Amino acid sequence: MHPATATNPTERPPARRAGLSIGEVAARSGVLAKTIRYYEEVGLIEPAPRTGNGYRVYGEIDLHVLRFVQRARSLGFSVRDCRQLLDLWRNPQRASAEVKAMTLHRIAEIDRKVAELAAMRATLAHLAENCQGDDRPDCPILDDFAEDSKR
């Protein structure tokens, strides 16, 4: 579902004023209330209007935006990336090529991390294979750590 695109982005359309509290929006979106406030602070999402007593009031569009951001964040996109993805999502004239390029870049980052983790695992497995793991004080794992710390 798209956020409203026909209205001025600085104005909240009526659907935004559904009267959901930050706790309700947090529970329904899977985004912590503290994180919602942070997203407002850094301008990722629009600040919610306040009631007379200062409580934030959210609507269905806010909920959709937060779910969108939550999904993108769960896939490892940064807040900066999410800002760009939201701009693309809101733009009906967007080129999907830009979204695909961002996604392929994210995949490349994940592949680099997977390779790093595989190398770490192989090193740890090698160290564990060479450690007797008994009552003796000799430990090639600690020796390796100590040798590496000399560099």
Foldseek 3Di string as FASTA:
>chain_A
DAADQVDDVVDDPPQFQPFDFLVRLCVLQVNDSVVVVVCCVVVLDPFADADPVGTGGGGPSVSVLSNQLVVCVVLPDDSVRSSVVSVQRSDPPHDCVVVVVVVVVSVVVVVVVVVVVVVVVVVVVVQVVPAPPDPDPDGSVVVVVVVVVVD
